[in-house]
């Protein structure tokens, strides 16, 4: 039987409103790497070439992927 107008309890509601709830973005694993996707600023633009040398030389960069 379904009740109308009566809220159902939420198990993690208290953790959410107090900021204690853990989300996937909160998980840190030793040695974890982060990624970034960059898009063309021109809609429907065609990228003819790309120079990734500056990105590869930045401190903390482990690799640059392109042509995916």
C-alpha atoms as a PDB file:
ATOM      1  CA  UNK A   1       0.000   0.000   0.000  1.00  0.00           C
ATOM      2  CA  UNK A   2       1.407   3.411  -0.965  1.00  0.00           C
ATOM      3  CA  UNK A   3       0.876   6.425   1.252  1.00  0.00           C
ATOM      4  CA  UNK A   4       0.167   9.793  -0.308  1.00  0.00           C
ATOM      5  CA  UNK A   5       1.463  12.910   1.396  1.00  0.00           C
ATOM      6  CA  UNK A   6       3.706  10.999   3.800  1.00  0.00           C
ATOM      7  CA  UNK A   7       7.433  11.289   3.195  1.00  0.00           C
ATOM      8  CA  UNK A   8       9.618   8.232   3.287  1.00  0.00           C
ATOM      9  CA  UNK A   9      12.697   8.279   5.497  1.00  0.00           C
ATOM     10  CA  UNK A  10      16.090   8.710   3.890  1.00  0.00           C
ATOM     11  CA  UNK A  11      18.889   6.665   5.443  1.00  0.00           C
ATOM     12  CA  UNK A  12      21.677   9.077   4.566  1.00  0.00           C
ATOM     13  CA  UNK A  13      19.659  12.275   5.011  1.00  0.00           C
ATOM     14  CA  UNK A  14      21.439  13.316   8.210  1.00  0.00           C
ATOM     15  CA  UNK A  15      24.859  12.763   6.631  1.00  0.00           C
ATOM     16  CA  UNK A  16      23.842  14.877   3.632  1.00  0.00           C
ATOM     17  CA  UNK A  17      22.557  17.867   5.603  1.00  0.00           C
ATOM     18  CA  UNK A  18      25.541  17.852   7.975  1.00  0.00           C
ATOM     19  CA  UNK A  19      28.107  17.574   5.169  1.00  0.00           C
ATOM     20  CA  UNK A  20      29.386  14.198   6.373  1.00  0.00           C
ATOM     21  CA  UNK A  21      28.141  12.221   3.358  1.00  0.00           C
ATOM     22  CA  UNK A  22      30.987  10.797   1.254  1.00  0.00           C
ATOM     23  CA  UNK A  23      30.662  11.083  -2.510  1.00  0.00           C
ATOM     24  CA  UNK A  24      32.949   9.593  -5.160  1.00  0.00           C
ATOM     25  CA  UNK A  25      34.676  12.974  -5.566  1.00  0.00           C
ATOM     26  CA  UNK A  26      35.675  12.773  -1.884  1.00  0.00           C
ATOM     27  CA  UNK A  27      37.623   9.529  -2.327  1.00  0.00           C
ATOM     28  CA  UNK A  28      41.389   9.950  -2.611  1.00  0.00           C
ATOM     29  CA  UNK A  29      43.583   6.985  -3.517  1.00  0.00           C
ATOM     30  CA  UNK A  30      47.386   7.186  -3.096  1.00  0.00           C
ATOM     31  CA  UNK A  31      48.976   7.901  -6.473  1.00  0.00           C
ATOM     32  CA  UNK A  32      45.655   8.908  -8.021  1.00  0.00           C
ATOM     33  CA  UNK A  33      45.838  10.919 -11.236  1.00  0.00           C
ATOM     34  CA  UNK A  34      43.307  13.454 -12.496  1.00  0.00           C
ATOM     35  CA  UNK A  35      42.196  14.138 -16.043  1.00  0.00           C
ATOM     36  CA  UNK A  36      40.941  17.157 -17.933  1.00  0.00           C
ATOM     37  CA  UNK A  37      39.101  17.293 -21.240  1.00  0.00           C
ATOM     38  CA  UNK A  38      39.482  20.421 -23.342  1.00  0.00           C
ATOM     39  CA  UNK A  39      37.055  21.257 -26.118  1.00  0.00           C
ATOM     40  CA  UNK A  40      37.362  23.596 -29.081  1.00  0.00           C
ATOM     41  CA  UNK A  41      36.043  27.085 -28.290  1.00  0.00           C
ATOM     42  CA  UNK A  42      34.587  27.218 -31.806  1.00  0.00           C
ATOM     43  CA  UNK A  43      31.353  25.283 -32.312  1.00  0.00           C
ATOM     44  CA  UNK A  44      31.693  22.691 -35.097  1.00  0.00           C
ATOM     45  CA  UNK A  45      35.284  23.817 -35.580  1.00  0.00           C
ATOM     46  CA  UNK A  46      37.852  21.448 -37.047  1.00  0.00           C
ATOM     47  CA  UNK A  47      41.172  21.203 -35.221  1.00  0.00           C
ATOM     48  CA  UNK A  48      43.841  20.832 -37.899  1.00  0.00           C
ATOM     49  CA  UNK A  49      46.824  20.594 -35.552  1.00  0.00           C
ATOM     50  CA  UNK A  50      47.614  20.819 -31.871  1.00  0.00           C
ATOM     51  CA  UNK A  51      50.864  21.501 -30.029  1.00  0.00           C
ATOM     52  CA  UNK A  52      50.933  19.615 -26.728  1.00  0.00           C
ATOM     53  CA  UNK A  53      54.578  20.382 -25.840  1.00  0.00           C
ATOM     54  CA  UNK A  54      53.683  23.128 -23.338  1.00  0.00           C
ATOM     55  CA  UNK A  55      51.155  20.892 -21.606  1.00  0.00           C
ATOM     56  CA  UNK A  56      53.652  18.023 -21.395  1.00  0.00           C
ATOM     57  CA  UNK A  57      56.252  20.316 -19.800  1.00  0.00           C
ATOM     58  CA  UNK A  58      53.961  21.483 -16.975  1.00  0.00           C
ATOM     59  CA  UNK A  59      54.920  20.241 -13.492  1.00  0.00           C
ATOM     60  CA  UNK A  60      52.838  17.286 -12.376  1.00  0.00           C
ATOM     61  CA  UNK A  61      51.696  16.286 -15.877  1.00  0.00           C
ATOM     62  CA  UNK A  62      52.157  12.542 -16.424  1.00  0.00           C
ATOM     63  CA  UNK A  63      50.852  12.388 -19.979  1.00  0.00           C
ATOM     64  CA  UNK A  64      48.743  14.078 -22.622  1.00  0.00           C
ATOM     65  CA  UNK A  65      46.282  12.124 -24.765  1.00  0.00           C
ATOM     66  CA  UNK A  66      44.973  13.426 -28.070  1.00  0.00           C
ATOM     67  CA  UNK A  67      43.092  12.203 -31.132  1.00  0.00           C
ATOM     68  CA  UNK A  68      40.635  10.230 -29.051  1.00  0.00           C
END
